[in-house]
Every structure is written in structure tokens, then in C-alpha cells.
C-alpha atoms as a PDB file:
ATOM      1  CA  MET A   1     144.535  23.738  89.677  1.00  0.00           C
ATOM      2  CA  THR A   2     148.260  23.807  89.656  1.00  0.00           C
ATOM      3  CA  VAL A   3     150.121  21.768  92.127  1.00  0.00           C
ATOM      4  CA  LEU A   4     153.418  23.373  92.757  1.00  0.00           C
ATOM      5  CA  ILE A   5     155.904  20.676  93.849  1.00  0.00           C
ATOM      6  CA  GLY A   6     159.262  21.017  95.362  1.00  0.00           C
ATOM      7  CA  THR A   7     161.447  20.314  98.337  1.00  0.00           C
ATOM      8  CA  SER A   8     162.138  22.040 101.653  1.00  0.00           C
ATOM      9  CA  GLY A   9     165.576  23.470 100.988  1.00  0.00           C
ATOM     10  CA  TRP A  10     168.144  22.635  98.297  1.00  0.00           C
ATOM     11  CA  GLN A  11     171.537  22.698  99.944  1.00  0.00           C
ATOM     12  CA  TYR A  12     172.020  19.062 100.967  1.00  0.00           C
ATOM     13  CA  ARG A  13     175.432  17.445 100.371  1.00  0.00           C
ATOM     14  CA  ASP A  14     173.939  13.945 100.035  1.00  0.00           C
ATOM     15  CA  TRP A  15     172.048  15.085  96.916  1.00  0.00           C
ATOM     16  CA  ARG A  16     175.146  14.860  94.921  1.00  0.00           C
ATOM     17  CA  GLY A  17     174.652  12.190  92.374  1.00  0.00           C
ATOM     18  CA  VAL A  18     170.879  12.365  92.999  1.00  0.00           C
ATOM     19  CA  LEU A  19     169.899  15.886  91.843  1.00  0.00           C
ATOM     20  CA  TYR A  20     173.362  17.527  91.421  1.00  0.00           C
ATOM     21  CA  PRO A  21     176.090  16.309  89.054  1.00  0.00           C
ATOM     22  CA  GLU A  22     179.193  15.370  91.055  1.00  0.00           C
ATOM     23  CA  ASP A  23     181.172  18.111  89.390  1.00  0.00           C
ATOM     24  CA  ARG A  24     178.644  20.834  89.989  1.00  0.00           C
ATOM     25  CA  PRO A  25     180.075  23.237  92.641  1.00  0.00           C
ATOM     26  CA  GLN A  26     177.660  23.998  95.580  1.00  0.00           C
ATOM     27  CA  ARG A  27     177.497  27.736  94.592  1.00  0.00           C
ATOM     28  CA  LEU A  28     175.599  26.607  91.505  1.00  0.00           C
ATOM     29  CA  TRP A  29     173.112  24.252  93.210  1.00  0.00           C
ATOM     30  CA  LEU A  30     170.179  26.668  93.182  1.00  0.00           C
ATOM     31  CA  GLU A  31     170.530  27.174  89.450  1.00  0.00           C
ATOM     32  CA  GLU A  32     170.642  23.396  88.920  1.00  0.00           C
ATOM     33  CA  TYR A  33     167.684  22.894  91.341  1.00  0.00           C
ATOM     34  CA  ALA A  34     165.655  25.487  89.362  1.00  0.00           C
ATOM     35  CA  ARG A  35     166.280  23.570  86.088  1.00  0.00           C
ATOM     36  CA  HIS A  36     164.383  20.629  87.493  1.00  0.00           C
ATOM     37  CA  PHE A  37     161.785  22.210  89.909  1.00  0.00           C
ATOM     38  CA  SER A  38     159.611  25.319  89.608  1.00  0.00           C
ATOM     39  CA  THR A  39     159.398  25.880  93.390  1.00  0.00           C
ATOM     40  CA  VAL A  40     161.247  25.510  96.609  1.00  0.00           C
ATOM     41  CA  GLU A  41     160.627  26.189 100.301  1.00  0.00           C
ATOM     42  CA  ASN A  42     163.451  28.245 101.696  1.00  0.00           C
ATOM     43  CA  ASN A  43     164.263  27.123 105.181  1.00  0.00           C
ATOM     44  CA  ASN A  44     167.359  29.411 105.645  1.00  0.00           C
ATOM     45  CA  ALA A  45     165.238  32.324 106.800  1.00  0.00           C
ATOM     46  CA  PHE A  46     164.036  30.224 109.850  1.00  0.00           C
ATOM     47  CA  TYR A  47     167.488  29.816 111.282  1.00  0.00           C
ATOM     48  CA  ARG A  48     168.905  33.221 110.336  1.00  0.00           C
ATOM     49  CA  LEU A  49     167.014  35.792 108.267  1.00  0.00           C
ATOM     50  CA  PRO A  50     169.101  36.599 105.148  1.00  0.00           C
ATOM     51  CA  GLU A  51     169.660  40.111 104.086  1.00  0.00           C
ATOM     52  CA  ARG A  52     167.357  41.529 101.341  1.00  0.00           C
ATOM     53  CA  LYS A  53     170.291  41.457  98.980  1.00  0.00           C
ATOM     54  CA  THR A  54     170.614  37.699  99.477  1.00  0.00           C
ATOM     55  CA  PHE A  55     166.908  37.271  98.509  1.00  0.00           C
ATOM     56  CA  ALA A  56     167.373  39.543  95.480  1.00  0.00           C
ATOM     57  CA  ASP A  57     170.364  37.416  94.464  1.00  0.00           C
ATOM     58  CA  TRP A  58     168.222  34.275  94.587  1.00  0.00           C
ATOM     59  CA  ARG A  59     165.665  36.078  92.352  1.00  0.00           C
ATOM     60  CA  GLU A  60     168.435  36.785  89.836  1.00  0.00           C
ATOM     61  CA  ARG A  61     169.648  33.238  89.919  1.00  0.00           C
ATOM     62  CA  THR A  62     166.246  31.553  89.180  1.00  0.00           C
ATOM     63  CA  PRO A  63     164.019  31.644  86.077  1.00  0.00           C
ATOM     64  CA  ALA A  64     160.840  33.570  85.360  1.00  0.00           C
ATOM     65  CA  GLY A  65     157.972  31.774  86.919  1.00  0.00           C
ATOM     66  CA  PHE A  66     159.987  30.244  89.741  1.00  0.00           C
ATOM     67  CA  VAL A  67     158.385  30.428  93.180  1.00  0.00           C
ATOM     68  CA  MET A  68     160.165  30.487  96.507  1.00  0.00           C
ATOM     69  CA  ALA A  69     158.141  29.808  99.708  1.00  0.00           C
ATOM     70  CA  VAL A  70     159.742  31.314 102.834  1.00  0.00           C
ATOM     71  CA  LYS A  71     159.705  29.715 106.235  1.00  0.00           C
ATOM     72  CA  ALA A  72     159.302  32.596 108.819  1.00  0.00           C
ATOM     73  CA  SER A  73     162.145  33.405 111.115  1.00  0.00           C
ATOM     74  CA  ARG A  74     162.189  31.424 114.359  1.00  0.00           C
ATOM     75  CA  TYR A  75     162.553  34.804 116.142  1.00  0.00           C
ATOM     76  CA  LEU A  76     158.868  35.301 115.312  1.00  0.00           C
ATOM     77  CA  THR A  77     157.504  31.898 115.914  1.00  0.00           C
ATOM     78  CA  HIS A  78     159.836  30.248 118.518  1.00  0.00           C
ATOM     79  CA  ILE A  79     161.346  33.159 120.513  1.00  0.00           C
ATOM     80  CA  LYS A  80     158.542  35.661 120.429  1.00  0.00           C
ATOM     81  CA  ARG A  81     156.001  32.861 120.111  1.00  0.00           C
ATOM     82  CA  LEU A  82     153.837  35.137 117.944  1.00  0.00           C
ATOM     83  CA  HIS A  83     153.781  37.930 120.550  1.00  0.00           C
ATOM     84  CA  ASP A  84     154.584  41.570 119.464  1.00  0.00           C
ATOM     85  CA  PRO A  85     154.700  40.458 115.777  1.00  0.00           C
ATOM     86  CA  GLU A  86     154.823  43.844 114.142  1.00  0.00           C
ATOM     87  CA  GLU A  87     158.573  44.364 114.018  1.00  0.00           C
ATOM     88  CA  PRO A  88     159.536  40.623 113.228  1.00  0.00           C
ATOM     89  CA  VAL A  89     156.964  40.501 110.420  1.00  0.00           C
ATOM     90  CA  HIS A  90     157.929  43.847 108.949  1.00  0.00           C
ATOM     91  CA  ARG A  91     161.576  42.872 108.997  1.00  0.00           C
ATOM     92  CA  LEU A  92     160.848  39.455 107.485  1.00  0.00           C
ATOM     93  CA  MET A  93     158.841  40.920 104.603  1.00  0.00           C
ATOM     94  CA  GLU A  94     161.278  43.866 103.987  1.00  0.00           C
ATOM     95  CA  HIS A  95     163.977  41.272 103.458  1.00  0.00           C
ATOM     96  CA  ALA A  96     161.934  38.548 101.611  1.00  0.00           C
ATOM     97  CA  GLU A  97     160.377  41.055  99.135  1.00  0.00           C
ATOM     98  CA  GLY A  98     163.804  41.115  97.485  1.00  0.00           C
ATOM     99  CA  LEU A  99     162.512  38.047  95.703  1.00  0.00           C
ATOM    100  CA  GLY A 100     160.134  40.363  93.782  1.00  0.00           C
ATOM    101  CA  GLU A 101     157.666  38.202  91.787  1.00  0.00           C
ATOM    102  CA  ARG A 102     159.453  35.000  92.772  1.00  0.00           C
ATOM    103  CA  LEU A 103     158.032  35.423  96.372  1.00  0.00           C
ATOM    104  CA  GLY A 104     155.669  32.665  97.271  1.00  0.00           C
ATOM    105  CA  PRO A 105     153.795  31.829 100.520  1.00  0.00           C
ATOM    106  CA  VAL A 106     155.216  32.458 103.988  1.00  0.00           C
ATOM    107  CA  LEU A 107     155.201  29.486 106.400  1.00  0.00           C
ATOM    108  CA  LEU A 108     154.606  29.980 109.969  1.00  0.00           C
ATOM    109  CA  GLN A 109     155.693  26.723 111.630  1.00  0.00           C
ATOM    110  CA  LEU A 110     154.728  26.948 115.330  1.00  0.00           C
ATOM    111  CA  PRO A 111     156.712  25.277 118.055  1.00  0.00           C
ATOM    112  CA  PRO A 112     155.258  22.054 119.321  1.00  0.00           C
ATOM    113  CA  THR A 113     155.068  23.529 122.811  1.00  0.00           C
ATOM    114  CA  LEU A 114     153.029  26.418 121.813  1.00  0.00           C
ATOM    115  CA  ARG A 115     149.415  25.934 122.889  1.00  0.00           C
ATOM    116  CA  CYS A 116     146.359  27.428 121.130  1.00  0.00           C
ATOM    117  CA  ASP A 117     145.865  31.127 121.328  1.00  0.00           C
ATOM    118  CA  PRO A 118     143.596  32.293 118.495  1.00  0.00           C
ATOM    119  CA  GLY A 119     143.935  35.990 119.450  1.00  0.00           C
ATOM    120  CA  VAL A 120     147.709  35.950 119.271  1.00  0.00           C
ATOM    121  CA  LEU A 121     147.610  34.097 115.843  1.00  0.00           C
ATOM    122  CA  ASP A 122     145.053  36.584 114.529  1.00  0.00           C
ATOM    123  CA  ALA A 123     147.193  39.518 115.519  1.00  0.00           C
ATOM    124  CA  ALA A 124     150.276  38.049 113.845  1.00  0.00           C
ATOM    125  CA  LEU A 125     148.431  37.288 110.570  1.00  0.00           C
ATOM    126  CA  ALA A 126     147.067  40.904 110.581  1.00  0.00           C
ATOM    127  CA  CYS A 127     150.641  42.191 110.271  1.00  0.00           C
ATOM    128  CA  PHE A 128     151.305  40.601 106.855  1.00  0.00           C
ATOM    129  CA  PRO A 129     150.484  42.499 103.731  1.00  0.00           C
ATOM    130  CA  ARG A 130     147.179  41.381 102.304  1.00  0.00           C
ATOM    131  CA  ARG A 131     148.943  40.433  99.079  1.00  0.00           C
ATOM    132  CA  VAL A 132     151.218  37.807 100.885  1.00  0.00           C
ATOM    133  CA  ARG A 133     149.881  34.379 101.251  1.00  0.00           C
ATOM    134  CA  VAL A 134     150.556  32.943 104.698  1.00  0.00           C
ATOM    135  CA  ALA A 135     150.386  29.164 105.713  1.00  0.00           C
ATOM    136  CA  VAL A 136     150.315  28.133 109.297  1.00  0.00           C
ATOM    137  CA  GLU A 137     151.576  24.846 110.602  1.00  0.00           C
ATOM    138  CA  PRO A 138     150.527  24.366 114.300  1.00  0.00           C
ATOM    139  CA  ARG A 139     152.128  21.431 116.082  1.00  0.00           C
ATOM    140  CA  HIS A 140     150.114  21.241 119.362  1.00  0.00           C
ATOM    141  CA  ASP A 141     146.699  19.441 119.295  1.00  0.00           C
ATOM    142  CA  SER A 142     145.121  22.245 121.212  1.00  0.00           C
ATOM    143  CA  TRP A 143     144.956  24.332 118.046  1.00  0.00           C
ATOM    144  CA  TRP A 144     142.332  22.110 116.395  1.00  0.00           C
ATOM    145  CA  THR A 145     139.295  24.292 117.300  1.00  0.00           C
ATOM    146  CA  ASP A 146     136.515  26.057 115.381  1.00  0.00           C
ATOM    147  CA  GLU A 147     137.849  29.398 116.652  1.00  0.00           C
ATOM    148  CA  VAL A 148     141.262  28.749 115.092  1.00  0.00           C
ATOM    149  CA  ARG A 149     139.697  27.611 111.871  1.00  0.00           C
ATOM    150  CA  ASP A 150     137.585  30.904 111.793  1.00  0.00           C
ATOM    151  CA  VAL A 151     140.780  32.972 112.357  1.00  0.00           C
ATOM    152  CA  LEU A 152     142.479  31.244 109.427  1.00  0.00           C
ATOM    153  CA  GLN A 153     139.526  31.611 107.197  1.00  0.00           C
ATOM    154  CA  GLY A 154     139.058  35.241 108.158  1.00  0.00           C
ATOM    155  CA  ARG A 155     142.528  36.131 107.253  1.00  0.00           C
ATOM    156  CA  GLY A 156     142.723  34.018 104.054  1.00  0.00           C
ATOM    157  CA  ALA A 157     145.545  31.888 105.607  1.00  0.00           C
ATOM    158  CA  ALA A 158     146.007  28.275 104.732  1.00  0.00           C
ATOM    159  CA  LEU A 159     146.245  25.616 107.308  1.00  0.00           C
ATOM    160  CA  CYS A 160     149.345  23.633 106.469  1.00  0.00           C
ATOM    161  CA  TRP A 161     148.406  20.101 105.858  1.00  0.00           C
ATOM    162  CA  ALA A 162     151.303  18.131 107.361  1.00  0.00           C
ATOM    163  CA  ASP A 163     152.260  14.425 106.947  1.00  0.00           C
ATOM    164  CA  SER A 164     154.418  12.494 109.169  1.00  0.00           C
ATOM    165  CA  GLY A 165     154.874   8.708 108.994  1.00  0.00           C
ATOM    166  CA  SER A 166     152.688   8.583 105.876  1.00  0.00           C
ATOM    167  CA  ARG A 167     149.619   9.962 107.651  1.00  0.00           C
ATOM    168  CA  PRO A 168     148.081  13.389 108.276  1.00  0.00           C
ATOM    169  CA  VAL A 169     149.018  14.872 111.540  1.00  0.00           C
ATOM    170  CA  SER A 170     146.731  17.821 111.190  1.00  0.00           C
ATOM    171  CA  PRO A 171     143.001  18.315 110.351  1.00  0.00           C
ATOM    172  CA  LEU A 172     142.282  18.552 106.629  1.00  0.00           C
ATOM    173  CA  TRP A 173     140.630  21.930 106.807  1.00  0.00           C
ATOM    174  CA  ARG A 174     140.472  23.972 103.693  1.00  0.00           C
ATOM    175  CA  THR A 175     140.764  27.485 105.113  1.00  0.00           C
ATOM    176  CA  ALA A 176     141.789  29.426 101.950  1.00  0.00           C
ATOM    177  CA  ASP A 177     141.341  29.360  98.154  1.00  0.00           C
ATOM    178  CA  TRP A 178     144.881  27.849  97.981  1.00  0.00           C
ATOM    179  CA  GLY A 179     146.652  25.134  99.789  1.00  0.00           C
ATOM    180  CA  TYR A 180     149.985  24.231 101.473  1.00  0.00           C
ATOM    181  CA  VAL A 181     151.180  20.641 102.218  1.00  0.00           C
ATOM    182  CA  ARG A 182     154.400  19.404 103.861  1.00  0.00           C
ATOM    183  CA  PHE A 183     155.729  15.893 103.845  1.00  0.00           C
ATOM    184  CA  HIS A 184     158.049  15.294 106.734  1.00  0.00           C
ATOM    185  CA  GLY A 185     158.914  11.584 106.108  1.00  0.00           C
ATOM    186  CA  GLY A 186     157.257   8.387 105.087  1.00  0.00           C
ATOM    187  CA  LEU A 187     157.646   4.751 106.155  1.00  0.00           C
ATOM    188  CA  ALA A 188     158.809   3.203 102.933  1.00  0.00           C
ATOM    189  CA  GLU A 189     162.443   1.781 102.360  1.00  0.00           C
ATOM    190  CA  PRO A 190     164.910   3.295 102.344  1.00  0.00           C
ATOM    191  CA  ARG A 191     163.623   5.569 105.189  1.00  0.00           C
ATOM    192  CA  PRO A 192     162.277   8.301 104.962  1.00  0.00           C
ATOM    193  CA  ARG A 193     160.821   7.629 101.617  1.00  0.00           C
ATOM    194  CA  TYR A 194     157.081   7.473 100.820  1.00  0.00           C
ATOM    195  CA  GLY A 195     155.447   4.502  99.324  1.00  0.00           C
ATOM    196  CA  ARG A 196     153.155   4.688  96.175  1.00  0.00           C
ATOM    197  CA  GLN A 197     149.982   4.267  98.165  1.00  0.00           C
ATOM    198  CA  ALA A 198     150.845   6.974 100.531  1.00  0.00           C
ATOM    199  CA  LEU A 199     151.480   9.406  97.703  1.00  0.00           C
ATOM    200  CA  THR A 200     148.440   8.350  95.740  1.00  0.00           C
ATOM    201  CA  SER A 201     146.242   8.945  98.864  1.00  0.00           C
ATOM    202  CA  TRP A 202     147.685  12.426  99.200  1.00  0.00           C
ATOM    203  CA  ALA A 203     147.030  13.252  95.455  1.00  0.00           C
ATOM    204  CA  GLY A 204     143.439  12.148  96.061  1.00  0.00           C
ATOM    205  CA  ARG A 205     143.022  14.292  99.186  1.00  0.00           C
ATOM    206  CA  ILE A 206     144.299  17.356  97.250  1.00  0.00           C
ATOM    207  CA  ALA A 207     142.242  16.739  94.149  1.00  0.00           C
ATOM    208  CA  ASP A 208     139.105  16.309  96.262  1.00  0.00           C
ATOM    209  CA  ALA A 209     139.650  19.420  98.350  1.00  0.00           C
ATOM    210  CA  TRP A 210     140.488  22.110  95.747  1.00  0.00           C
ATOM    211  CA  PRO A 211     139.045  22.989  92.476  1.00  0.00           C
ATOM    212  CA  ASP A 212     141.160  23.137  89.305  1.00  0.00           C
ATOM    213  CA  ARG A 213     141.692  26.977  89.575  1.00  0.00           C
ATOM    214  CA  ALA A 214     143.451  26.727  93.053  1.00  0.00           C
ATOM    215  CA  ASP A 215     147.084  26.601  93.625  1.00  0.00           C
ATOM    216  CA  VAL A 216     148.424  24.005  96.142  1.00  0.00           C
ATOM    217  CA  HIS A 217     152.073  24.111  97.228  1.00  0.00           C
ATOM    218  CA  ALA A 218     153.630  20.680  98.104  1.00  0.00           C
ATOM    219  CA  TYR A 219     157.028  20.435  99.686  1.00  0.00           C
ATOM    220  CA  PHE A 220     159.021  17.329 100.693  1.00  0.00           C
ATOM    221  CA  ASN A 221     160.980  17.839 103.923  1.00  0.00           C
ATOM    222  CA  ASN A 222     162.445  14.367 103.963  1.00  0.00           C
ATOM    223  CA  ASP A 223     165.842  15.308 102.478  1.00  0.00           C
ATOM    224  CA  THR A 224     167.939  12.466 103.775  1.00  0.00           C
ATOM    225  CA  GLY A 225     169.589  10.545 100.906  1.00  0.00           C
ATOM    226  CA  GLY A 226     167.689  12.516  98.302  1.00  0.00           C
ATOM    227  CA  ALA A 227     164.315  10.992  99.393  1.00  0.00           C
ATOM    228  CA  ALA A 228     162.626  14.320  98.912  1.00  0.00           C
ATOM    229  CA  VAL A 229     163.714  14.461  95.224  1.00  0.00           C
ATOM    230  CA  HIS A 230     162.555  10.850  94.470  1.00  0.00           C
ATOM    231  CA  ASP A 231     159.224  11.392  96.285  1.00  0.00           C
ATOM    232  CA  ALA A 232     158.587  14.676  94.591  1.00  0.00           C
ATOM    233  CA  VAL A 233     158.780  12.973  91.212  1.00  0.00           C
ATOM    234  CA  ALA A 234     156.510  10.073  92.269  1.00  0.00           C
ATOM    235  CA  PHE A 235     154.002  12.573  93.800  1.00  0.00           C
ATOM    236  CA  ALA A 236     153.941  14.525  90.682  1.00  0.00           C
ATOM    237  CA  ARG A 237     152.914  11.532  88.640  1.00  0.00           C
ATOM    238  CA  ALA A 238     150.180  10.595  91.216  1.00  0.00           C
ATOM    239  CA  ALA A 239     148.755  14.083  91.035  1.00  0.00           C
ATOM    240  CA  ALA A 240     148.883  14.153  87.337  1.00  0.00           C
ATOM    241  CA  ALA A 241     147.069  10.828  87.184  1.00  0.00           C
ATOM    242  CA  ARG A 242     144.274  12.548  89.097  1.00  0.00           C
ATOM    243  CA  GLY A 243     144.041  15.006  86.217  1.00  0.00           C
ATOM    244  CA  ARG A 244     145.907  17.903  88.053  1.00  0.00           C
ATOM    245  CA  THR A 245     148.307  20.239  86.376  1.00  0.00           C
ATOM    246  CA  VAL A 246     151.702  19.817  88.087  1.00  0.00           C
ATOM    247  CA  THR A 247     154.959  21.822  87.888  1.00  0.00           C
ATOM    248  CA  ARG A 248     158.153  20.270  86.622  1.00  0.00           C
ATOM    249  CA  THR A 249     160.067  17.721  88.418  1.00  0.00           C
ATOM    250  CA  PRO A 250     163.392  15.950  87.600  1.00  0.00           C
ATOM    251  CA  GLY A 251     162.995  13.806  84.484  1.00  0.00           C
ATOM    252  CA  GLU A 252     159.592  15.337  83.645  1.00  0.00           C
ATOM    253  CA  GLU A 253     160.772  18.656  82.138  1.00  0.00           C
ATOM    254  CA  THR A 254     159.848  19.561  78.568  1.00  0.00           C
ATOM    255  CA  GLN A 255     162.754  20.238  76.179  1.00  0.00           C
ATOM    256  CA  ASP A 256     162.233  23.956  76.325  1.00  0.00           C
ATOM    257  CA  GLY A 257     162.244  23.931  80.101  1.00  0.00           C
ATOM    258  CA  ARG A 258     158.454  24.660  80.596  1.00  0.00           C
ATOM    259  CA  ASP A 259     156.274  22.838  82.933  1.00  0.00           C
ATOM    260  CA  PRO A 260     154.594  19.867  81.172  1.00  0.00           C
ATOM    261  CA  GLY A 261     151.026  20.693  80.572  1.00  0.00           C
ATOM    262  CA  HIS A 262     151.441  24.148  82.091  1.00  0.00           C
ATOM    263  CA  GLY A 263     152.333  26.244  79.136  1.00  0.00           C
ATOM    264  CA  GLY A 264     154.206  28.756  81.284  1.00  0.00           C
END
């Protein structure tokens, strides 16, 4: 199993001096990010779907083997609320496929006010090309039903395992042969950092749930003060201690830039 570890976004001004050298211009931050991480979750598409040429530019600016997960447009998830999904999904994929082989999973983060509707979810998932991995992050407790689990399994979609406050806020269902985990903020100081025990517990949950051959994407969304960068490094060490192959994180790169223990 490879645990692909990164952050949710990369354009944060308070990461100067944490991940980015003080003299590195913002236009080169993606290149700098990709020197240290093998994957990122792109949140830009949620707020405003970039043009295909922008996705293609991101492809050109990142190295071979880099993986960019894409958070689906809020037009699909928050405005349409998954209804009439054909056109929004088609447009999303038409643009995102500019990433070529860099394209990773698509994340559908549902609004917290959206109540369970397995039929609507199934219809939306059916619009994605079969080759595209889709993760779903419901945020209303009504979604935790066997019918929803069956829909996800039937479509090969991963339930996003979400953490908030150093605890799971979703069931730990394994609905696909790959996984997706999001860390929204821990309780350690300085906030919103994660403590060692919380990250060790998550490494254990992942190692226990998926076999070695599975890919699990793990993204830290606690960007404030560079917390996501620090926690990604600590989490990579915790996962490696459980015998899992992990992608590169800052300070853990090999001299030739390949992932430690990953050969790629």
C-alpha cells in the first residue's frame, strides 16, 4: 500500500519560511511544493472551476508521478446539490483532464445541510468516467445508512474518512479498494496542529483497513501557520512506522528526489 500524503491546497502566504523560502515568488510555489510532496488536493476548482489550460499548466509544472486530487466545483455539490449532475460533471472532467496522468481522485464534499438521498448520489456518481476515482465526504449524519454504503461500494467510490478535532467524524467504512482521508484540524498546540497520538492512531486505522496493494490518499486541511506541512511530515513517519510505503514529505526526500522506499 502506498499512502499518498499531501495538503489541501498550496497557496498560503503564511507558509513562507515554513515550506517556501522567503525569496521564492508565489508564481513558483507549486514547483517548490512538488519538490517536497508527491500529491496535493486542489481546492481551487471548488470555488471557481479553472480552465482546462490552467490544469494543463499545472501538469507541466509538476514532475512525473505527481498526483493532483481535485475538489469538485461547488456548483455541483452546493448549488445543484447533486441534482442534474450530467453537465456539471462533464464540464468538471473536461477541464480537469488537462492534468493528464497527474489527475488523481475527485472529491465530492457535500454541504452540511444536504440530507441523505442515495438515489441522487448514485445518479451523480454514475456520470463520472469509470476510470476516475471519486471520494465522497457527506457532512450530515443522515447519510450513515446501509443504502448509502451500498451505493458507494457499487460505484467503487471511497467514503472520505474525515477527522475534526483529532477524532473521526464519519464512519470508517471501506467502500472501495483505495482510500481517502482528510484532516481538518487537531487539538494540539499551536492550534490547529495534531498531536503524536492522534496521528499514530490514524496511521493504525489506515494500516488495519487496507492491504499493502491499496492506495490511500491523505490530505491535511489545517493550513493555518503551516500546521498542515508539519503534520504531514509527522503522519508520514507514523505510517512508515506501521510498515507502510509513504510518498515524500519535506525533509524526507531522497537525494535524487524519489520517494523514500517507493522506487518511483
